[in-house]
Protein backbone atom coordinates (compact mmCIF):
# COMPACT_ATOMS: atom_id res chain seq x y z
CA UNK A 1 7.99 37.39 -46.23
CA UNK A 2 7.27 33.66 -45.38
CA UNK A 3 9.38 32.70 -41.82
CA UNK A 4 10.52 29.52 -41.70
CA UNK A 5 8.86 27.61 -39.23
CA UNK A 6 10.30 25.34 -36.23
CA UNK A 7 10.82 21.81 -38.09
CA UNK A 8 12.03 23.59 -41.42
CA UNK A 9 15.00 25.67 -39.08
CA UNK A 10 15.96 22.04 -37.44
CA UNK A 11 16.04 20.30 -40.53
CA UNK A 12 18.30 23.48 -42.02
CA UNK A 13 20.41 23.34 -38.82
CA UNK A 14 20.62 19.41 -39.58
CA UNK A 15 21.89 19.66 -42.76
CA UNK A 16 24.41 22.55 -42.16
CA UNK A 17 25.77 20.13 -39.24
CA UNK A 18 25.99 17.66 -41.70
CA UNK A 19 28.06 19.32 -44.36
CA UNK A 20 30.08 20.51 -41.89
CA UNK A 21 31.02 17.11 -40.32
CA UNK A 22 31.51 15.58 -44.18
CA UNK A 23 33.84 18.97 -44.74
CA UNK A 24 35.90 18.05 -42.02
CA UNK A 25 36.03 14.46 -42.91
CA UNK A 26 37.24 15.64 -46.25
CA UNK A 27 39.67 18.06 -44.81
CA UNK A 28 41.30 14.93 -43.04
CA UNK A 29 41.24 12.73 -45.44
CA UNK A 30 43.23 15.15 -47.42
CA UNK A 31 45.41 15.98 -44.81
CA UNK A 32 46.60 12.83 -43.94
CA UNK A 33 46.86 11.76 -48.00
CA UNK A 34 49.09 14.65 -48.59
CA UNK A 35 50.84 14.17 -45.71
CA UNK A 36 51.89 10.01 -46.37
CA UNK A 37 51.81 10.94 -49.99
CA UNK A 38 54.90 13.55 -49.25
CA UNK A 39 56.53 11.22 -46.63
CA UNK A 40 56.41 7.79 -48.45
CA UNK A 41 56.52 8.23 -52.32
CA UNK A 42 60.09 9.93 -53.14
CA UNK A 43 59.66 8.90 -57.02
CA UNK A 44 55.61 8.90 -58.24
CA UNK A 45 54.95 6.85 -61.03
CA UNK A 46 52.00 4.95 -62.53
CA UNK A 47 51.78 2.17 -59.42
CA UNK A 48 53.10 2.09 -55.78
CA UNK A 49 56.08 -0.12 -55.17
CA UNK A 50 55.43 -2.79 -52.11
CA UNK A 51 57.74 -0.32 -49.82
CA UNK A 52 55.73 2.91 -50.77
CA UNK A 53 52.38 1.26 -50.36
CA UNK A 54 53.79 -0.26 -47.02
CA UNK A 55 54.84 3.27 -45.76
CA UNK A 56 51.65 4.92 -46.62
CA UNK A 57 49.87 2.10 -45.06
CA UNK A 58 51.77 2.88 -41.76
CA UNK A 59 51.67 6.24 -41.83
CA UNK A 60 48.04 6.63 -42.35
CA UNK A 61 47.42 4.20 -39.24
CA UNK A 62 49.45 6.47 -37.11
CA UNK A 63 47.63 9.55 -38.34
CA UNK A 64 44.82 7.80 -37.62
CA UNK A 65 46.10 6.96 -33.96
CA UNK A 66 47.39 10.03 -33.25
CA UNK A 67 44.29 12.14 -34.14
CA UNK A 68 42.01 10.13 -32.56
CA UNK A 69 44.41 10.61 -29.50
CA UNK A 70 44.43 14.05 -29.50
CA UNK A 71 40.64 14.48 -29.76
CA UNK A 72 40.35 12.40 -27.30
CA UNK A 73 42.47 14.75 -24.76
CA UNK A 74 41.00 17.79 -26.61
CA UNK A 75 37.90 15.84 -25.47
CA UNK A 76 39.05 15.34 -21.74
CA UNK A 77 40.39 19.00 -21.16
CA UNK A 78 37.56 20.42 -22.86
CA UNK A 79 35.24 18.28 -20.05
CA UNK A 80 38.20 18.88 -16.92
CA UNK A 81 39.14 22.54 -17.86
CA UNK A 82 42.53 21.74 -18.46
CA UNK A 83 45.11 23.08 -21.15
CA UNK A 84 46.20 19.95 -23.45
CA UNK A 85 49.63 20.71 -23.02
CA UNK A 86 49.02 19.63 -19.07
CA UNK A 87 47.13 16.96 -19.60
CA UNK A 88 50.23 15.82 -22.12
CA UNK A 89 52.28 15.96 -19.60
CA UNK A 90 50.31 13.65 -16.90
């Protein structure tokens, strides 16, 4: 058996981290798509009408803003050792 060297282990770790980040991004895109489509498209057809397109655009913007806000709160809470709920109440 050949043991991997330190560089190979670092390369593998980097690859795994990249793949994990891709999976997280893909899951977020899937959730955003599902959430906004379900909210905005009442009668699926060949094309989105202008109100559906506008709704999806607004929904996606709000979803991304909310996600960034929550991530910021969670990052801050982990640094400050405070619960996210407590931070929201501040």
